[in-house]
Amino acid sequence: MKAGTTSAPNTDLVTAIRHLHKAIAGGGVDQRLLSLVHLRASQINGCAPCVFAGVAAAKKAGETEQRLHNVVAWRETPFTDEERAALLLTEAVTRIQDGAAGVTDEIWDAAAGHFTGEQLNAIILEIALTNFFNRINRATREQAGKTW
């Protein structure tokens, strides 16, 4: 199959993805925060369709334009300590190709200080699923706004 063309997804795959979304939603993490996590991972990976979807989901969850514009520079803007811990974890998990240290004890402890084990599982699953979609969109050359 030529890059940029896709076939209809198989039903087992769609069902599996729905189960993953259900598990994330059941983790007790605010949807606004999950949207910020999704957006940041997608920004790092340069995935336009997922950035588009992340902004739309965050707005639907009540996020403001100003904060959405600031996600890319979250270290220099006013986010809560909880949000900072989640965004730092997102970057550590996502930036594997950069040769970064990954999730250090300090990063993990910061996140664990703000989230329960169940919430951490949901955040990590959100990061992993976002990276999964980022790579699929990269392989299929999906364009922002076409699917979402």
C-alpha atoms as a PDB file:
ATOM      1  CA  MET A   1       0.000   0.000   0.000  1.00  0.00           C
ATOM      2  CA  LYS A   2       1.330   3.426  -0.941  1.00  0.00           C
ATOM      3  CA  ALA A   3       2.017   5.814   1.948  1.00  0.00           C
ATOM      4  CA  GLY A   4      -0.802   8.266   2.373  1.00  0.00           C
ATOM      5  CA  THR A   5      -3.517   5.729   1.586  1.00  0.00           C
ATOM      6  CA  THR A   6      -5.273   3.630   4.168  1.00  0.00           C
ATOM      7  CA  SER A   7      -7.838   0.919   4.224  1.00  0.00           C
ATOM      8  CA  ALA A   8     -10.722   0.667   6.666  1.00  0.00           C
ATOM      9  CA  PRO A   9      -9.521  -0.379  10.133  1.00  0.00           C
ATOM     10  CA  ASN A  10     -10.287  -3.898  11.190  1.00  0.00           C
ATOM     11  CA  THR A  11     -13.040  -4.264  13.791  1.00  0.00           C
ATOM     12  CA  ASP A  12     -10.816  -6.062  16.292  1.00  0.00           C
ATOM     13  CA  LEU A  13      -8.406  -3.123  16.210  1.00  0.00           C
ATOM     14  CA  VAL A  14     -11.210  -0.597  16.705  1.00  0.00           C
ATOM     15  CA  THR A  15     -12.588  -2.650  19.602  1.00  0.00           C
ATOM     16  CA  ALA A  16      -9.150  -2.864  21.235  1.00  0.00           C
ATOM     17  CA  ILE A  17      -8.676   0.909  20.937  1.00  0.00           C
ATOM     18  CA  ARG A  18     -12.113   1.521  22.462  1.00  0.00           C
ATOM     19  CA  HIS A  19     -11.133  -0.696  25.406  1.00  0.00           C
ATOM     20  CA  LEU A  20      -7.922   1.294  25.874  1.00  0.00           C
ATOM     21  CA  HIS A  21      -9.869   4.575  25.836  1.00  0.00           C
ATOM     22  CA  LYS A  22     -12.311   3.119  28.359  1.00  0.00           C
ATOM     23  CA  ALA A  23      -9.429   2.081  30.635  1.00  0.00           C
ATOM     24  CA  ILE A  24      -7.918   5.574  30.416  1.00  0.00           C
ATOM     25  CA  ALA A  25     -11.267   7.225  31.160  1.00  0.00           C
ATOM     26  CA  GLY A  26     -11.739   4.922  34.152  1.00  0.00           C
ATOM     27  CA  GLY A  27      -8.424   5.971  35.697  1.00  0.00           C
ATOM     28  CA  GLY A  28      -9.849   9.005  37.436  1.00  0.00           C
ATOM     29  CA  VAL A  29      -7.772  11.662  35.656  1.00  0.00           C
ATOM     30  CA  ASP A  30      -9.446  14.912  34.643  1.00  0.00           C
ATOM     31  CA  GLN A  31     -10.130  14.932  30.890  1.00  0.00           C
ATOM     32  CA  ARG A  32      -8.564  18.388  30.568  1.00  0.00           C
ATOM     33  CA  LEU A  33      -5.286  17.055  31.916  1.00  0.00           C
ATOM     34  CA  LEU A  34      -5.402  14.006  29.647  1.00  0.00           C
ATOM     35  CA  SER A  35      -5.959  16.355  26.709  1.00  0.00           C
ATOM     36  CA  LEU A  36      -2.880  18.373  27.684  1.00  0.00           C
ATOM     37  CA  VAL A  37      -0.853  15.164  27.892  1.00  0.00           C
ATOM     38  CA  HIS A  38      -2.112  14.095  24.455  1.00  0.00           C
ATOM     39  CA  LEU A  39      -1.364  17.518  23.006  1.00  0.00           C
ATOM     40  CA  ARG A  40       2.180  17.687  24.413  1.00  0.00           C
ATOM     41  CA  ALA A  41       3.161  14.221  23.163  1.00  0.00           C
ATOM     42  CA  SER A  42       1.738  15.059  19.745  1.00  0.00           C
ATOM     43  CA  GLN A  43       3.630  18.359  19.637  1.00  0.00           C
ATOM     44  CA  ILE A  44       6.887  16.548  20.409  1.00  0.00           C
ATOM     45  CA  ASN A  45       6.240  14.025  17.653  1.00  0.00           C
ATOM     46  CA  GLY A  46       5.088  16.648  15.157  1.00  0.00           C
ATOM     47  CA  CYS A  47       1.772  14.870  14.575  1.00  0.00           C
ATOM     48  CA  ALA A  48      -0.569  17.497  13.105  1.00  0.00           C
ATOM     49  CA  PRO A  49      -3.740  15.345  13.201  1.00  0.00           C
ATOM     50  CA  CYS A  50      -3.214  14.533  16.890  1.00  0.00           C
ATOM     51  CA  VAL A  51      -2.355  18.142  17.755  1.00  0.00           C
ATOM     52  CA  PHE A  52      -5.596  19.133  16.024  1.00  0.00           C
ATOM     53  CA  ALA A  53      -7.543  16.434  17.900  1.00  0.00           C
ATOM     54  CA  GLY A  54      -5.855  17.287  21.203  1.00  0.00           C
ATOM     55  CA  VAL A  55      -6.793  20.956  20.936  1.00  0.00           C
ATOM     56  CA  ALA A  56     -10.383  20.072  20.011  1.00  0.00           C
ATOM     57  CA  ALA A  57     -10.707  17.603  22.916  1.00  0.00           C
ATOM     58  CA  ALA A  58      -9.179  20.057  25.377  1.00  0.00           C
ATOM     59  CA  LYS A  59     -11.558  22.826  24.290  1.00  0.00           C
ATOM     60  CA  LYS A  60     -14.491  20.438  24.618  1.00  0.00           C
ATOM     61  CA  ALA A  61     -13.298  19.628  28.158  1.00  0.00           C
ATOM     62  CA  GLY A  62     -13.222  23.350  28.994  1.00  0.00           C
ATOM     63  CA  GLU A  63      -9.588  24.270  28.379  1.00  0.00           C
ATOM     64  CA  THR A  64      -8.810  27.873  27.389  1.00  0.00           C
ATOM     65  CA  GLU A  65      -7.120  29.079  24.212  1.00  0.00           C
ATOM     66  CA  GLN A  66      -4.351  30.777  26.174  1.00  0.00           C
ATOM     67  CA  ARG A  67      -3.392  27.633  28.071  1.00  0.00           C
ATOM     68  CA  LEU A  68      -3.517  25.556  24.879  1.00  0.00           C
ATOM     69  CA  HIS A  69      -1.122  27.975  23.198  1.00  0.00           C
ATOM     70  CA  ASN A  70       1.192  27.660  26.207  1.00  0.00           C
ATOM     71  CA  VAL A  71       1.452  23.860  26.313  1.00  0.00           C
ATOM     72  CA  VAL A  72       4.451  23.910  23.994  1.00  0.00           C
ATOM     73  CA  ALA A  73       6.245  26.174  26.513  1.00  0.00           C
ATOM     74  CA  TRP A  74       4.684  24.798  29.690  1.00  0.00           C
ATOM     75  CA  ARG A  75       7.847  25.262  31.762  1.00  0.00           C
ATOM     76  CA  GLU A  76       7.680  29.043  31.305  1.00  0.00           C
ATOM     77  CA  THR A  77       3.933  29.449  31.821  1.00  0.00           C
ATOM     78  CA  PRO A  78       1.525  29.087  34.746  1.00  0.00           C
ATOM     79  CA  PHE A  79       0.440  25.473  34.969  1.00  0.00           C
ATOM     80  CA  THR A  80      -0.350  23.711  38.248  1.00  0.00           C
ATOM     81  CA  ASP A  81       2.201  21.459  39.933  1.00  0.00           C
ATOM     82  CA  GLU A  82       0.007  18.479  39.030  1.00  0.00           C
ATOM     83  CA  GLU A  83      -0.086  19.506  35.357  1.00  0.00           C
ATOM     84  CA  ARG A  84       3.668  20.116  35.358  1.00  0.00           C
ATOM     85  CA  ALA A  85       4.304  16.644  36.762  1.00  0.00           C
ATOM     86  CA  ALA A  86       2.095  15.075  34.067  1.00  0.00           C
ATOM     87  CA  LEU A  87       3.699  17.108  31.265  1.00  0.00           C
ATOM     88  CA  LEU A  88       7.199  16.276  32.502  1.00  0.00           C
ATOM     89  CA  LEU A  89       6.264  12.585  32.587  1.00  0.00           C
ATOM     90  CA  THR A  90       4.812  12.921  29.083  1.00  0.00           C
ATOM     91  CA  GLU A  91       8.051  14.347  27.749  1.00  0.00           C
ATOM     92  CA  ALA A  92      10.200  11.734  29.492  1.00  0.00           C
ATOM     93  CA  VAL A  93       8.129   8.867  28.080  1.00  0.00           C
ATOM     94  CA  THR A  94       7.808  10.376  24.590  1.00  0.00           C
ATOM     95  CA  ARG A  95      11.339  11.604  23.921  1.00  0.00           C
ATOM     96  CA  ILE A  96      12.926   8.169  23.582  1.00  0.00           C
ATOM     97  CA  GLN A  97      14.525   9.003  20.237  1.00  0.00           C
ATOM     98  CA  ASP A  98      16.326  12.042  21.646  1.00  0.00           C
ATOM     99  CA  GLY A  99      18.600   9.945  23.850  1.00  0.00           C
ATOM    100  CA  ALA A 100      17.013  11.518  26.922  1.00  0.00           C
ATOM    101  CA  ALA A 101      17.307   9.807  30.268  1.00  0.00           C
ATOM    102  CA  GLY A 102      13.692   8.642  30.172  1.00  0.00           C
ATOM    103  CA  VAL A 103      11.609   8.506  33.314  1.00  0.00           C
ATOM    104  CA  THR A 104      14.071   9.146  36.105  1.00  0.00           C
ATOM    105  CA  ASP A 105      13.279   8.486  39.770  1.00  0.00           C
ATOM    106  CA  GLU A 106      12.843  12.235  40.233  1.00  0.00           C
ATOM    107  CA  ILE A 107      10.278  12.474  37.406  1.00  0.00           C
ATOM    108  CA  TRP A 108       8.435   9.392  38.647  1.00  0.00           C
ATOM    109  CA  ASP A 109       8.395  10.617  42.254  1.00  0.00           C
ATOM    110  CA  ALA A 110       7.053  14.020  41.152  1.00  0.00           C
ATOM    111  CA  ALA A 111       4.190  12.351  39.279  1.00  0.00           C
ATOM    112  CA  ALA A 112       3.537   9.839  42.057  1.00  0.00           C
ATOM    113  CA  GLY A 113       3.291  12.738  44.497  1.00  0.00           C
ATOM    114  CA  HIS A 114       0.265  14.058  42.618  1.00  0.00           C
ATOM    115  CA  PHE A 115      -1.476  10.969  41.278  1.00  0.00           C
ATOM    116  CA  THR A 116      -2.679   7.627  42.587  1.00  0.00           C
ATOM    117  CA  GLY A 117      -1.367   4.428  41.035  1.00  0.00           C
ATOM    118  CA  GLU A 118      -4.565   4.097  39.007  1.00  0.00           C
ATOM    119  CA  GLN A 119      -4.237   7.661  37.742  1.00  0.00           C
ATOM    120  CA  LEU A 120      -0.570   7.140  36.844  1.00  0.00           C
ATOM    121  CA  ASN A 121      -1.553   4.035  34.886  1.00  0.00           C
ATOM    122  CA  ALA A 122      -4.151   6.066  32.980  1.00  0.00           C
ATOM    123  CA  ILE A 123      -1.674   8.859  32.218  1.00  0.00           C
ATOM    124  CA  ILE A 124       0.987   6.435  31.020  1.00  0.00           C
ATOM    125  CA  LEU A 125      -1.560   4.604  28.882  1.00  0.00           C
ATOM    126  CA  GLU A 126      -2.687   7.965  27.422  1.00  0.00           C
ATOM    127  CA  ILE A 127       0.934   8.816  26.579  1.00  0.00           C
ATOM    128  CA  ALA A 128       1.513   5.403  25.003  1.00  0.00           C
ATOM    129  CA  LEU A 129      -1.726   5.482  23.005  1.00  0.00           C
ATOM    130  CA  THR A 130      -0.965   9.007  21.791  1.00  0.00           C
ATOM    131  CA  ASN A 131       2.492   7.915  20.648  1.00  0.00           C
ATOM    132  CA  PHE A 132       0.842   4.923  18.925  1.00  0.00           C
ATOM    133  CA  PHE A 133      -1.540   7.220  17.011  1.00  0.00           C
ATOM    134  CA  ASN A 134       1.275   9.675  16.239  1.00  0.00           C
ATOM    135  CA  ARG A 135       3.198   6.900  14.529  1.00  0.00           C
ATOM    136  CA  ILE A 136       0.180   5.601  12.612  1.00  0.00           C
ATOM    137  CA  ASN A 137      -0.559   9.113  11.361  1.00  0.00           C
ATOM    138  CA  ARG A 138       3.072   9.531  10.374  1.00  0.00           C
ATOM    139  CA  ALA A 139       3.011   6.259   8.430  1.00  0.00           C
ATOM    140  CA  THR A 140      -0.247   7.065   6.644  1.00  0.00           C
ATOM    141  CA  ARG A 141       0.510  10.768   6.144  1.00  0.00           C
ATOM    142  CA  GLU A 142      -2.783  11.711   7.723  1.00  0.00           C
ATOM    143  CA  GLN A 143      -3.567  15.415   7.512  1.00  0.00           C
ATOM    144  CA  ALA A 144      -4.906  17.526  10.358  1.00  0.00           C
ATOM    145  CA  GLY A 145      -8.645  17.948  10.307  1.00  0.00           C
ATOM    146  CA  LYS A 146      -9.323  15.322   7.642  1.00  0.00           C
ATOM    147  CA  THR A 147     -10.194  12.467  10.003  1.00  0.00           C
ATOM    148  CA  TRP A 148     -10.855  14.241  13.275  1.00  0.00           C
END
